[in-house]
Amino acid sequence: MLIGEVARRSGVSARMLRHYESLGLVRPTGRNDVGYREYSGADVRRIFHIESLRSLGLTLREVGRALDDPGFSPSELVDDLVRRTRERIASETELLTRLSRIDAAGPEGWEGVLRTVALLQALGSSSPGTRQRAALSSVGEAPVPVRALVDAVLSERDPVVAGALRWALAQAGGGLVLLAAGLAAPGAEVRARAAQAIAEVPGDTATALLREALADPDPVVRGHAAPALGVRGVDDAVPVLIDMVAEEVRDVDAADALGVLAVAPEAAERIAAGLVARLADGTLDPSARRRLTQALADIPGATASHALAELARDEDRGVALTAGYVLGLRGGADE
């Protein structure tokens, strides 16, 4: 079979077949009377083997070793190919993500593209200072890649940088849909970061998301959602806020939120009743009872005052002193 026919049947160009020959990958079995190359059936099969191995990502040198080296290990080669392919996919995925973020930002002209690229590179820096400066400098830039800011918020471990990122995201506006996806993440740390970021966003949509976060199994996630909801006047947060006080999870913020909710008289009575019920839990340690007693100080109304009067006679001296001091400030128990 002459080289032209082999090229047509195999789909490998005559030029590539000559290149294979120069590398010693496949040699025509012979020549015809006028000196043209002649390929046997075995030669053609070898060409197909070469193309099959190349389709797996092997270099021509690796193809030659695979076909001619008796000691060649296919398993080692496949393992190496798997590793290289995964690295390539990761690299291509990173590039695709970056391009998508640039496209979402909608830059006008190459200057905008380059500015966005510089911001993305800075947000991905290993230096916390660089990431913080990138977050702060993003405000006022037009346009801001909101998706990049959300991704940075959900992955940032440095608390100072995270605060700057949340501020930048709030200034940029948007991102709630992406943060909502963060609330559904399998990792509690990611969900907590999402809740913390949503807490800094005003509006009904953010409030609805924070309500969902109240049911999260992780106390840290609930601990970010409940105080924000309390400040927004959402009574549903009260049980979680009381738990936070008792368990010393951002207890000062929780007590402040309870105080905000207690402005309404009916809410004040419900909150006081909830605190009193929790104080009745015999498994609480003394420090938890003192925190709950202190929380009653900011709750107006008869229920709180009567409870404080009782607590002023508590066998725990710390609880009794706290309650007595608060009663003195309130002018005594309401009758």
C-alpha atoms as a PDB file:
ATOM      1  CA  MET A   1       0.000   0.000   0.000  1.00  0.00           C
ATOM      2  CA  LEU A   2       1.537   3.311  -1.063  1.00  0.00           C
ATOM      3  CA  ILE A   3       1.813   6.334   1.237  1.00  0.00           C
ATOM      4  CA  GLY A   4      -1.056   8.229  -0.427  1.00  0.00           C
ATOM      5  CA  GLU A   5      -3.484   5.384   0.107  1.00  0.00           C
ATOM      6  CA  VAL A   6      -2.313   4.913   3.692  1.00  0.00           C
ATOM      7  CA  ALA A   7      -2.881   8.611   4.301  1.00  0.00           C
ATOM      8  CA  ARG A   8      -6.436   8.408   2.945  1.00  0.00           C
ATOM      9  CA  ARG A   9      -7.321   5.315   4.974  1.00  0.00           C
ATOM     10  CA  SER A  10      -5.714   6.369   8.241  1.00  0.00           C
ATOM     11  CA  GLY A  11      -6.458  10.076   8.156  1.00  0.00           C
ATOM     12  CA  VAL A  12      -2.779  10.776   8.840  1.00  0.00           C
ATOM     13  CA  SER A  13      -1.208  13.117   6.326  1.00  0.00           C
ATOM     14  CA  ALA A  14       1.647  11.955   4.113  1.00  0.00           C
ATOM     15  CA  ARG A  15       3.830  14.622   5.690  1.00  0.00           C
ATOM     16  CA  MET A  16       3.115  13.245   9.202  1.00  0.00           C
ATOM     17  CA  LEU A  17       3.790   9.694   7.996  1.00  0.00           C
ATOM     18  CA  ARG A  18       7.207  10.807   6.761  1.00  0.00           C
ATOM     19  CA  HIS A  19       7.784  12.493  10.148  1.00  0.00           C
ATOM     20  CA  TYR A  20       6.916   9.244  11.915  1.00  0.00           C
ATOM     21  CA  GLU A  21       9.415   7.473   9.704  1.00  0.00           C
ATOM     22  CA  SER A  22      12.146  10.015  10.481  1.00  0.00           C
ATOM     23  CA  LEU A  23      11.566   9.397  14.203  1.00  0.00           C
ATOM     24  CA  GLY A  24      11.632   5.636  13.743  1.00  0.00           C
ATOM     25  CA  LEU A  25       8.053   5.222  14.891  1.00  0.00           C
ATOM     26  CA  VAL A  26       6.921   3.386  11.754  1.00  0.00           C
ATOM     27  CA  ARG A  27       8.984   2.263   8.817  1.00  0.00           C
ATOM     28  CA  PRO A  28       7.479   1.090   5.529  1.00  0.00           C
ATOM     29  CA  THR A  29       8.075  -2.598   4.997  1.00  0.00           C
ATOM     30  CA  GLY A  30       9.680  -2.007   1.641  1.00  0.00           C
ATOM     31  CA  ARG A  31       9.837  -0.100  -1.633  1.00  0.00           C
ATOM     32  CA  ASN A  32       8.228  -0.903  -4.941  1.00  0.00           C
ATOM     33  CA  ASP A  33      10.046  -1.130  -8.266  1.00  0.00           C
ATOM     34  CA  VAL A  34      10.202   2.607  -8.699  1.00  0.00           C
ATOM     35  CA  GLY A  35      11.319   3.275  -5.106  1.00  0.00           C
ATOM     36  CA  TYR A  36       8.019   4.366  -3.572  1.00  0.00           C
ATOM     37  CA  ARG A  37       7.321   3.385   0.041  1.00  0.00           C
ATOM     38  CA  GLU A  38       5.078   0.391   0.552  1.00  0.00           C
ATOM     39  CA  TYR A  39       3.236  -0.164   3.832  1.00  0.00           C
ATOM     40  CA  SER A  40       2.100  -3.596   4.943  1.00  0.00           C
ATOM     41  CA  GLY A  41      -1.016  -4.377   6.961  1.00  0.00           C
ATOM     42  CA  ALA A  42       1.151  -4.519  10.112  1.00  0.00           C
ATOM     43  CA  ASP A  43       2.549  -1.068   9.304  1.00  0.00           C
ATOM     44  CA  VAL A  44      -0.959   0.375   9.006  1.00  0.00           C
ATOM     45  CA  ARG A  45      -2.006  -1.225  12.304  1.00  0.00           C
ATOM     46  CA  ARG A  46       1.035   0.352  13.967  1.00  0.00           C
ATOM     47  CA  ILE A  47       0.006   3.740  12.576  1.00  0.00           C
ATOM     48  CA  PHE A  48      -3.426   3.326  14.151  1.00  0.00           C
ATOM     49  CA  HIS A  49      -1.758   2.342  17.438  1.00  0.00           C
ATOM     50  CA  ILE A  50       0.358   5.482  17.292  1.00  0.00           C
ATOM     51  CA  GLU A  51      -2.709   7.666  16.731  1.00  0.00           C
ATOM     52  CA  SER A  52      -4.607   5.958  19.549  1.00  0.00           C
ATOM     53  CA  LEU A  53      -1.793   6.602  22.024  1.00  0.00           C
ATOM     54  CA  ARG A  54      -1.435  10.191  20.852  1.00  0.00           C
ATOM     55  CA  SER A  55      -5.153  10.717  21.493  1.00  0.00           C
ATOM     56  CA  LEU A  56      -4.461   9.953  25.166  1.00  0.00           C
ATOM     57  CA  GLY A  57      -2.038  12.851  25.336  1.00  0.00           C
ATOM     58  CA  LEU A  58       1.252  10.974  24.933  1.00  0.00           C
ATOM     59  CA  THR A  59       4.181  12.671  23.286  1.00  0.00           C
ATOM     60  CA  LEU A  60       5.707  10.967  20.246  1.00  0.00           C
ATOM     61  CA  ARG A  61       8.684   9.919  22.368  1.00  0.00           C
ATOM     62  CA  GLU A  62       6.348   8.297  24.895  1.00  0.00           C
ATOM     63  CA  VAL A  63       4.471   6.604  22.045  1.00  0.00           C
ATOM     64  CA  GLY A  64       7.730   5.078  20.801  1.00  0.00           C
ATOM     65  CA  ARG A  65       8.581   3.779  24.258  1.00  0.00           C
ATOM     66  CA  ALA A  66       5.099   2.353  24.734  1.00  0.00           C
ATOM     67  CA  LEU A  67       5.284   0.431  21.456  1.00  0.00           C
ATOM     68  CA  ASP A  68       8.920  -0.735  21.506  1.00  0.00           C
ATOM     69  CA  ASP A  69      10.114  -0.975  25.121  1.00  0.00           C
ATOM     70  CA  PRO A  70       9.286  -4.436  26.561  1.00  0.00           C
ATOM     71  CA  GLY A  71       9.749  -3.109  30.093  1.00  0.00           C
ATOM     72  CA  PHE A  72       7.434  -0.151  29.628  1.00  0.00           C
ATOM     73  CA  SER A  73       4.749   0.060  32.352  1.00  0.00           C
ATOM     74  CA  PRO A  74       1.316   1.070  31.057  1.00  0.00           C
ATOM     75  CA  SER A  75      -0.032   1.629  34.580  1.00  0.00           C
ATOM     76  CA  GLU A  76       2.658   4.181  35.419  1.00  0.00           C
ATOM     77  CA  LEU A  77       2.030   5.976  32.148  1.00  0.00           C
ATOM     78  CA  VAL A  78      -1.730   6.064  32.708  1.00  0.00           C
ATOM     79  CA  ASP A  79      -1.258   7.384  36.246  1.00  0.00           C
ATOM     80  CA  ASP A  80       0.977  10.134  34.918  1.00  0.00           C
ATOM     81  CA  LEU A  81      -1.544  10.967  32.192  1.00  0.00           C
ATOM     82  CA  VAL A  82      -4.321  11.188  34.754  1.00  0.00           C
ATOM     83  CA  ARG A  83      -2.251  13.596  36.854  1.00  0.00           C
ATOM     84  CA  ARG A  84      -1.316  15.762  33.877  1.00  0.00           C
ATOM     85  CA  THR A  85      -4.903  15.827  32.630  1.00  0.00           C
ATOM     86  CA  ARG A  86      -6.220  16.885  36.018  1.00  0.00           C
ATOM     87  CA  GLU A  87      -3.633  19.666  36.197  1.00  0.00           C
ATOM     88  CA  ARG A  88      -4.609  20.814  32.723  1.00  0.00           C
ATOM     89  CA  ILE A  89      -8.319  20.747  33.593  1.00  0.00           C
ATOM     90  CA  ALA A  90      -7.645  22.728  36.773  1.00  0.00           C
ATOM     91  CA  SER A  91      -5.649  25.286  34.823  1.00  0.00           C
ATOM     92  CA  GLU A  92      -8.300  25.571  32.119  1.00  0.00           C
ATOM     93  CA  THR A  93     -11.050  25.804  34.739  1.00  0.00           C
ATOM     94  CA  GLU A  94      -9.199  28.614  36.492  1.00  0.00           C
ATOM     95  CA  LEU A  95      -8.824  30.422  33.178  1.00  0.00           C
ATOM     96  CA  LEU A  96     -12.512  29.919  32.374  1.00  0.00           C
ATOM     97  CA  THR A  97     -13.500  31.245  35.800  1.00  0.00           C
ATOM     98  CA  ARG A  98     -11.331  34.318  35.335  1.00  0.00           C
ATOM     99  CA  LEU A  99     -12.722  34.968  31.871  1.00  0.00           C
ATOM    100  CA  SER A 100     -16.284  34.548  33.160  1.00  0.00           C
ATOM    101  CA  ARG A 101     -15.643  37.060  35.918  1.00  0.00           C
ATOM    102  CA  ILE A 102     -14.211  39.552  33.451  1.00  0.00           C
ATOM    103  CA  ASP A 103     -17.180  39.022  31.147  1.00  0.00           C
ATOM    104  CA  ALA A 104     -19.643  39.447  34.032  1.00  0.00           C
ATOM    105  CA  ALA A 105     -17.981  42.718  34.997  1.00  0.00           C
ATOM    106  CA  GLY A 106     -18.640  44.017  31.485  1.00  0.00           C
ATOM    107  CA  PRO A 107     -15.493  46.130  31.087  1.00  0.00           C
ATOM    108  CA  GLU A 108     -15.466  48.728  28.346  1.00  0.00           C
ATOM    109  CA  GLY A 109     -12.251  48.557  26.377  1.00  0.00           C
ATOM    110  CA  TRP A 110      -8.919  46.944  27.147  1.00  0.00           C
ATOM    111  CA  GLU A 111      -8.197  49.344  29.985  1.00  0.00           C
ATOM    112  CA  GLY A 112     -11.199  47.968  31.852  1.00  0.00           C
ATOM    113  CA  VAL A 113     -10.146  44.395  31.105  1.00  0.00           C
ATOM    114  CA  LEU A 114      -6.633  44.994  32.414  1.00  0.00           C
ATOM    115  CA  ARG A 115      -7.964  46.722  35.535  1.00  0.00           C
ATOM    116  CA  THR A 116     -10.244  43.774  36.250  1.00  0.00           C
ATOM    117  CA  VAL A 117      -7.428  41.278  35.674  1.00  0.00           C
ATOM    118  CA  ALA A 118      -5.192  43.197  38.077  1.00  0.00           C
ATOM    119  CA  LEU A 119      -7.943  43.154  40.720  1.00  0.00           C
ATOM    120  CA  LEU A 120      -8.507  39.408  40.298  1.00  0.00           C
ATOM    121  CA  GLN A 121      -4.789  38.729  40.631  1.00  0.00           C
ATOM    122  CA  ALA A 122      -4.596  40.845  43.782  1.00  0.00           C
ATOM    123  CA  LEU A 123      -7.622  39.101  45.318  1.00  0.00           C
ATOM    124  CA  GLY A 124      -5.892  35.780  44.699  1.00  0.00           C
ATOM    125  CA  SER A 125      -2.610  36.877  46.266  1.00  0.00           C
ATOM    126  CA  SER A 126      -1.045  34.893  49.098  1.00  0.00           C
ATOM    127  CA  SER A 127      -0.473  38.175  50.973  1.00  0.00           C
ATOM    128  CA  PRO A 128      -3.338  39.225  53.270  1.00  0.00           C
ATOM    129  CA  GLY A 129      -2.273  42.851  52.919  1.00  0.00           C
ATOM    130  CA  THR A 130      -2.486  42.679  49.147  1.00  0.00           C
ATOM    131  CA  ARG A 131      -5.927  41.077  49.310  1.00  0.00           C
ATOM    132  CA  GLN A 132      -7.151  43.722  51.749  1.00  0.00           C
ATOM    133  CA  ARG A 133      -5.867  46.569  49.590  1.00  0.00           C
ATOM    134  CA  ALA A 134      -7.500  44.992  46.551  1.00  0.00           C
ATOM    135  CA  ALA A 135     -10.845  44.801  48.350  1.00  0.00           C
ATOM    136  CA  LEU A 136     -10.674  48.409  49.503  1.00  0.00           C
ATOM    137  CA  SER A 137      -9.500  49.714  46.147  1.00  0.00           C
ATOM    138  CA  SER A 138     -12.278  47.893  44.298  1.00  0.00           C
ATOM    139  CA  VAL A 139     -14.822  50.382  45.619  1.00  0.00           C
ATOM    140  CA  GLY A 140     -15.292  53.112  43.070  1.00  0.00           C
ATOM    141  CA  GLU A 141     -13.868  50.980  40.272  1.00  0.00           C
ATOM    142  CA  ALA A 142     -16.178  50.566  37.321  1.00  0.00           C
ATOM    143  CA  PRO A 143     -17.122  47.852  36.855  1.00  0.00           C
ATOM    144  CA  VAL A 144     -16.585  45.677  39.925  1.00  0.00           C
ATOM    145  CA  PRO A 145     -16.505  41.870  39.418  1.00  0.00           C
ATOM    146  CA  VAL A 146     -19.116  40.994  42.045  1.00  0.00           C
ATOM    147  CA  ARG A 147     -18.700  37.251  41.534  1.00  0.00           C
ATOM    148  CA  ALA A 148     -15.000  37.565  42.300  1.00  0.00           C
ATOM    149  CA  LEU A 149     -15.773  39.483  45.494  1.00  0.00           C
ATOM    150  CA  VAL A 150     -18.313  36.862  46.587  1.00  0.00           C
ATOM    151  CA  ASP A 151     -15.883  34.015  45.916  1.00  0.00           C
ATOM    152  CA  ALA A 152     -13.227  35.875  47.906  1.00  0.00           C
ATOM    153  CA  VAL A 153     -15.646  36.493  50.792  1.00  0.00           C
ATOM    154  CA  LEU A 154     -16.616  32.821  50.964  1.00  0.00           C
ATOM    155  CA  SER A 155     -13.007  31.608  50.978  1.00  0.00           C
ATOM    156  CA  GLU A 156     -11.220  34.276  53.051  1.00  0.00           C
ATOM    157  CA  ARG A 157      -9.866  33.055  56.406  1.00  0.00           C
ATOM    158  CA  ASP A 158      -8.160  36.246  57.583  1.00  0.00           C
ATOM    159  CA  PRO A 159     -10.770  38.171  59.638  1.00  0.00           C
ATOM    160  CA  VAL A 160      -9.382  41.607  58.746  1.00  0.00           C
ATOM    161  CA  VAL A 161      -9.348  40.871  55.028  1.00  0.00           C
ATOM    162  CA  ALA A 162     -12.782  39.256  55.282  1.00  0.00           C
ATOM    163  CA  GLY A 163     -14.183  42.432  56.810  1.00  0.00           C
ATOM    164  CA  ALA A 164     -12.772  44.531  53.981  1.00  0.00           C
ATOM    165  CA  LEU A 165     -14.208  42.139  51.414  1.00  0.00           C
ATOM    166  CA  ARG A 166     -17.658  42.194  52.978  1.00  0.00           C
ATOM    167  CA  TRP A 167     -17.595  45.985  53.023  1.00  0.00           C
ATOM    168  CA  ALA A 168     -16.525  46.106  49.376  1.00  0.00           C
ATOM    169  CA  LEU A 169     -19.265  43.665  48.427  1.00  0.00           C
ATOM    170  CA  ALA A 170     -21.905  45.678  50.263  1.00  0.00           C
ATOM    171  CA  GLN A 171     -20.722  48.827  48.503  1.00  0.00           C
ATOM    172  CA  ALA A 172     -20.792  47.103  45.120  1.00  0.00           C
ATOM    173  CA  GLY A 173     -24.343  45.851  45.628  1.00  0.00           C
ATOM    174  CA  GLY A 174     -25.716  42.587  44.318  1.00  0.00           C
ATOM    175  CA  GLY A 175     -24.241  39.173  44.974  1.00  0.00           C
ATOM    176  CA  LEU A 176     -27.113  37.911  47.113  1.00  0.00           C
ATOM    177  CA  VAL A 177     -27.890  35.068  44.719  1.00  0.00           C
ATOM    178  CA  LEU A 178     -24.281  33.913  44.953  1.00  0.00           C
ATOM    179  CA  LEU A 179     -24.218  34.337  48.720  1.00  0.00           C
ATOM    180  CA  ALA A 180     -27.436  32.313  48.926  1.00  0.00           C
ATOM    181  CA  ALA A 181     -25.587  29.484  47.208  1.00  0.00           C
ATOM    182  CA  GLY A 182     -22.928  29.843  49.885  1.00  0.00           C
ATOM    183  CA  LEU A 183     -25.575  29.249  52.555  1.00  0.00           C
ATOM    184  CA  ALA A 184     -26.177  25.845  50.966  1.00  0.00           C
ATOM    185  CA  ALA A 185     -22.499  24.869  50.898  1.00  0.00           C
ATOM    186  CA  PRO A 186     -21.543  21.590  52.591  1.00  0.00           C
ATOM    187  CA  GLY A 187     -18.869  23.270  54.706  1.00  0.00           C
ATOM    188  CA  ALA A 188     -20.053  25.091  57.841  1.00  0.00           C
ATOM    189  CA  GLU A 189     -17.223  27.635  57.527  1.00  0.00           C
ATOM    190  CA  VAL A 190     -18.415  28.689  54.080  1.00  0.00           C
ATOM    191  CA  ARG A 191     -22.024  28.927  55.274  1.00  0.00           C
ATOM    192  CA  ALA A 192     -20.914  31.067  58.207  1.00  0.00           C
ATOM    193  CA  ARG A 193     -19.044  33.454  55.911  1.00  0.00           C
ATOM    194  CA  ALA A 194     -22.070  33.675  53.654  1.00  0.00           C
ATOM    195  CA  ALA A 195     -24.377  34.464  56.585  1.00  0.00           C
ATOM    196  CA  GLN A 196     -21.972  37.082  57.904  1.00  0.00           C
ATOM    197  CA  ALA A 197     -21.838  38.775  54.500  1.00  0.00           C
ATOM    198  CA  ILE A 198     -25.614  38.668  54.033  1.00  0.00           C
ATOM    199  CA  ALA A 199     -26.042  40.235  57.483  1.00  0.00           C
ATOM    200  CA  GLU A 200     -24.378  43.391  56.163  1.00  0.00           C
ATOM    201  CA  VAL A 201     -26.774  43.691  53.215  1.00  0.00           C
ATOM    202  CA  PRO A 202     -30.019  45.615  53.797  1.00  0.00           C
ATOM    203  CA  GLY A 203     -33.377  44.720  52.303  1.00  0.00           C
ATOM    204  CA  ASP A 204     -36.088  42.082  52.389  1.00  0.00           C
ATOM    205  CA  THR A 205     -34.203  39.568  50.248  1.00  0.00           C
ATOM    206  CA  ALA A 206     -31.278  39.510  52.655  1.00  0.00           C
ATOM    207  CA  THR A 207     -33.672  39.230  55.605  1.00  0.00           C
ATOM    208  CA  ALA A 208     -35.372  36.211  54.035  1.00  0.00           C
ATOM    209  CA  LEU A 209     -32.006  34.520  53.563  1.00  0.00           C
ATOM    210  CA  LEU A 210     -31.052  35.207  57.173  1.00  0.00           C
ATOM    211  CA  ARG A 211     -34.335  33.610  58.293  1.00  0.00           C
ATOM    212  CA  GLU A 212     -33.269  30.461  56.451  1.00  0.00           C
ATOM    213  CA  ALA A 213     -29.894  30.587  58.175  1.00  0.00           C
ATOM    214  CA  LEU A 214     -31.625  30.486  61.572  1.00  0.00           C
ATOM    215  CA  ALA A 215     -32.356  26.808  60.918  1.00  0.00           C
ATOM    216  CA  ASP A 216     -28.743  25.963  60.092  1.00  0.00           C
ATOM    217  CA  PRO A 217     -27.351  23.075  62.184  1.00  0.00           C
ATOM    218  CA  ASP A 218     -24.148  25.002  62.906  1.00  0.00           C
ATOM    219  CA  PRO A 219     -24.325  27.443  65.862  1.00  0.00           C
ATOM    220  CA  VAL A 220     -21.806  29.818  64.269  1.00  0.00           C
ATOM    221  CA  VAL A 221     -24.017  30.233  61.207  1.00  0.00           C
ATOM    222  CA  ARG A 222     -27.045  30.867  63.396  1.00  0.00           C
ATOM    223  CA  GLY A 223     -24.913  33.225  65.451  1.00  0.00           C
ATOM    224  CA  HIS A 224     -24.320  35.463  62.451  1.00  0.00           C
ATOM    225  CA  ALA A 225     -27.940  35.421  61.327  1.00  0.00           C
ATOM    226  CA  ALA A 226     -29.804  35.946  64.611  1.00  0.00           C
ATOM    227  CA  PRO A 227     -28.310  39.307  65.758  1.00  0.00           C
ATOM    228  CA  ALA A 228     -28.817  40.784  62.292  1.00  0.00           C
ATOM    229  CA  LEU A 229     -32.431  39.635  62.315  1.00  0.00           C
ATOM    230  CA  GLY A 230     -32.949  41.000  65.818  1.00  0.00           C
ATOM    231  CA  VAL A 231     -31.768  44.440  64.745  1.00  0.00           C
ATOM    232  CA  ARG A 232     -34.180  44.186  61.802  1.00  0.00           C
ATOM    233  CA  GLY A 233     -37.057  43.508  64.191  1.00  0.00           C
ATOM    234  CA  VAL A 234     -37.578  39.821  63.383  1.00  0.00           C
ATOM    235  CA  ASP A 235     -39.012  38.062  66.456  1.00  0.00           C
ATOM    236  CA  ASP A 236     -38.178  34.630  65.057  1.00  0.00           C
ATOM    237  CA  ALA A 237     -34.572  35.236  66.120  1.00  0.00           C
ATOM    238  CA  VAL A 238     -35.407  35.398  69.856  1.00  0.00           C
ATOM    239  CA  PRO A 239     -34.892  31.690  70.738  1.00  0.00           C
ATOM    240  CA  VAL A 240     -31.537  31.617  68.968  1.00  0.00           C
ATOM    241  CA  LEU A 241     -30.476  34.894  70.588  1.00  0.00           C
ATOM    242  CA  ILE A 242     -31.283  33.515  74.043  1.00  0.00           C
ATOM    243  CA  ASP A 243     -29.290  30.378  73.266  1.00  0.00           C
ATOM    244  CA  MET A 244     -26.372  32.564  72.175  1.00  0.00           C
ATOM    245  CA  VAL A 245     -26.407  34.411  75.495  1.00  0.00           C
ATOM    246  CA  ALA A 246     -26.520  31.172  77.459  1.00  0.00           C
ATOM    247  CA  GLU A 247     -23.816  29.497  75.373  1.00  0.00           C
ATOM    248  CA  GLU A 248     -21.549  32.574  75.193  1.00  0.00           C
ATOM    249  CA  VAL A 249     -21.655  32.715  71.400  1.00  0.00           C
ATOM    250  CA  ARG A 250     -21.406  36.416  70.545  1.00  0.00           C
ATOM    251  CA  ASP A 251     -23.463  36.901  73.679  1.00  0.00           C
ATOM    252  CA  VAL A 252     -23.003  40.689  73.827  1.00  0.00           C
ATOM    253  CA  ASP A 253     -24.312  41.090  70.275  1.00  0.00           C
ATOM    254  CA  ALA A 254     -27.173  38.725  71.074  1.00  0.00           C
ATOM    255  CA  ALA A 255     -28.131  40.661  74.215  1.00  0.00           C
ATOM    256  CA  ASP A 256     -28.038  43.941  72.283  1.00  0.00           C
ATOM    257  CA  ALA A 257     -30.334  42.473  69.633  1.00  0.00           C
ATOM    258  CA  LEU A 258     -32.756  41.297  72.309  1.00  0.00           C
ATOM    259  CA  GLY A 259     -32.775  44.825  73.689  1.00  0.00           C
ATOM    260  CA  VAL A 260     -33.670  46.217  70.278  1.00  0.00           C
ATOM    261  CA  LEU A 261     -36.536  43.747  69.880  1.00  0.00           C
ATOM    262  CA  ALA A 262     -37.786  44.512  73.401  1.00  0.00           C
ATOM    263  CA  VAL A 263     -38.753  48.065  72.438  1.00  0.00           C
ATOM    264  CA  ALA A 264     -42.222  46.718  71.652  1.00  0.00           C
ATOM    265  CA  PRO A 265     -43.995  45.890  74.965  1.00  0.00           C
ATOM    266  CA  GLU A 266     -45.450  42.569  73.815  1.00  0.00           C
ATOM    267  CA  ALA A 267     -42.074  41.476  72.476  1.00  0.00           C
ATOM    268  CA  ALA A 268     -40.425  42.521  75.736  1.00  0.00           C
ATOM    269  CA  GLU A 269     -42.718  40.236  77.713  1.00  0.00           C
ATOM    270  CA  ARG A 270     -42.044  37.301  75.387  1.00  0.00           C
ATOM    271  CA  ILE A 271     -38.304  37.842  75.567  1.00  0.00           C
ATOM    272  CA  ALA A 272     -38.360  38.134  79.341  1.00  0.00           C
ATOM    273  CA  ALA A 273     -40.394  34.937  79.571  1.00  0.00           C
ATOM    274  CA  GLY A 274     -37.881  33.175  77.326  1.00  0.00           C
ATOM    275  CA  LEU A 275     -34.935  34.323  79.441  1.00  0.00           C
ATOM    276  CA  VAL A 276     -36.686  33.257  82.653  1.00  0.00           C
ATOM    277  CA  ALA A 277     -37.468  29.843  81.182  1.00  0.00           C
ATOM    278  CA  ARG A 278     -33.845  29.384  80.210  1.00  0.00           C
ATOM    279  CA  LEU A 279     -32.700  30.433  83.683  1.00  0.00           C
ATOM    280  CA  ALA A 280     -34.866  27.655  85.093  1.00  0.00           C
ATOM    281  CA  ASP A 281     -32.731  25.079  83.290  1.00  0.00           C
ATOM    282  CA  GLY A 282     -30.996  23.223  86.075  1.00  0.00           C
ATOM    283  CA  THR A 283     -28.105  22.156  83.847  1.00  0.00           C
ATOM    284  CA  LEU A 284     -26.827  25.704  83.286  1.00  0.00           C
ATOM    285  CA  ASP A 285     -23.462  26.613  84.786  1.00  0.00           C
ATOM    286  CA  PRO A 286     -23.174  29.755  86.956  1.00  0.00           C
ATOM    287  CA  SER A 287     -21.571  31.890  84.258  1.00  0.00           C
ATOM    288  CA  ALA A 288     -24.429  31.175  81.854  1.00  0.00           C
ATOM    289  CA  ARG A 289     -26.990  32.146  84.500  1.00  0.00           C
ATOM    290  CA  ARG A 290     -25.134  35.414  85.109  1.00  0.00           C
ATOM    291  CA  ARG A 291     -25.157  36.249  81.399  1.00  0.00           C
ATOM    292  CA  LEU A 292     -28.877  35.553  81.161  1.00  0.00           C
ATOM    293  CA  THR A 293     -29.490  37.699  84.240  1.00  0.00           C
ATOM    294  CA  GLN A 294     -27.498  40.523  82.714  1.00  0.00           C
ATOM    295  CA  ALA A 295     -29.509  40.191  79.507  1.00  0.00           C
ATOM    296  CA  LEU A 296     -32.680  40.801  81.512  1.00  0.00           C
ATOM    297  CA  ALA A 297     -31.310  44.243  82.400  1.00  0.00           C
ATOM    298  CA  ASP A 298     -32.133  45.578  78.936  1.00  0.00           C
ATOM    299  CA  ILE A 299     -35.639  44.109  78.837  1.00  0.00           C
ATOM    300  CA  PRO A 300     -38.328  46.451  80.142  1.00  0.00           C
ATOM    301  CA  GLY A 301     -41.591  45.373  81.698  1.00  0.00           C
ATOM    302  CA  ALA A 302     -43.031  43.638  84.710  1.00  0.00           C
ATOM    303  CA  THR A 303     -41.959  40.100  83.794  1.00  0.00           C
ATOM    304  CA  ALA A 304     -38.292  41.061  83.665  1.00  0.00           C
ATOM    305  CA  SER A 305     -38.496  43.114  86.857  1.00  0.00           C
ATOM    306  CA  HIS A 306     -40.224  40.347  88.814  1.00  0.00           C
ATOM    307  CA  ALA A 307     -37.658  37.838  87.570  1.00  0.00           C
ATOM    308  CA  LEU A 308     -34.819  40.121  88.639  1.00  0.00           C
ATOM    309  CA  ALA A 309     -36.384  40.498  92.093  1.00  0.00           C
ATOM    310  CA  GLU A 310     -36.353  36.731  92.460  1.00  0.00           C
ATOM    311  CA  LEU A 311     -32.823  36.460  91.136  1.00  0.00           C
ATOM    312  CA  ALA A 312     -31.626  39.065  93.637  1.00  0.00           C
ATOM    313  CA  ARG A 313     -32.179  36.338  96.252  1.00  0.00           C
ATOM    314  CA  ASP A 314     -30.455  33.642  94.183  1.00  0.00           C
ATOM    315  CA  GLU A 315     -28.108  31.276  95.985  1.00  0.00           C
ATOM    316  CA  ASP A 316     -25.431  32.119  93.418  1.00  0.00           C
ATOM    317  CA  ARG A 317     -23.844  35.303  94.779  1.00  0.00           C
ATOM    318  CA  GLY A 318     -22.789  36.483  91.309  1.00  0.00           C
ATOM    319  CA  VAL A 319     -26.325  36.130  89.957  1.00  0.00           C
ATOM    320  CA  ALA A 320     -27.811  37.798  93.053  1.00  0.00           C
ATOM    321  CA  LEU A 321     -25.437  40.755  92.889  1.00  0.00           C
ATOM    322  CA  THR A 322     -26.039  41.243  89.161  1.00  0.00           C
ATOM    323  CA  ALA A 323     -29.804  41.141  89.595  1.00  0.00           C
ATOM    324  CA  GLY A 324     -29.715  43.489  92.607  1.00  0.00           C
ATOM    325  CA  TYR A 325     -27.557  46.011  90.771  1.00  0.00           C
ATOM    326  CA  VAL A 326     -29.874  45.969  87.750  1.00  0.00           C
ATOM    327  CA  LEU A 327     -32.936  46.370  89.989  1.00  0.00           C
ATOM    328  CA  GLY A 328     -31.335  49.392  91.581  1.00  0.00           C
ATOM    329  CA  LEU A 329     -30.924  50.977  88.172  1.00  0.00           C
ATOM    330  CA  ARG A 330     -34.527  50.149  87.271  1.00  0.00           C
ATOM    331  CA  GLY A 331     -35.884  51.608  90.536  1.00  0.00           C
ATOM    332  CA  GLY A 332     -37.110  48.305  91.895  1.00  0.00           C
ATOM    333  CA  ALA A 333     -39.499  45.683  90.704  1.00  0.00           C
ATOM    334  CA  ASP A 334     -42.719  46.676  88.975  1.00  0.00           C
ATOM    335  CA  GLU A 335     -45.783  45.596  90.795  1.00  0.00           C
END
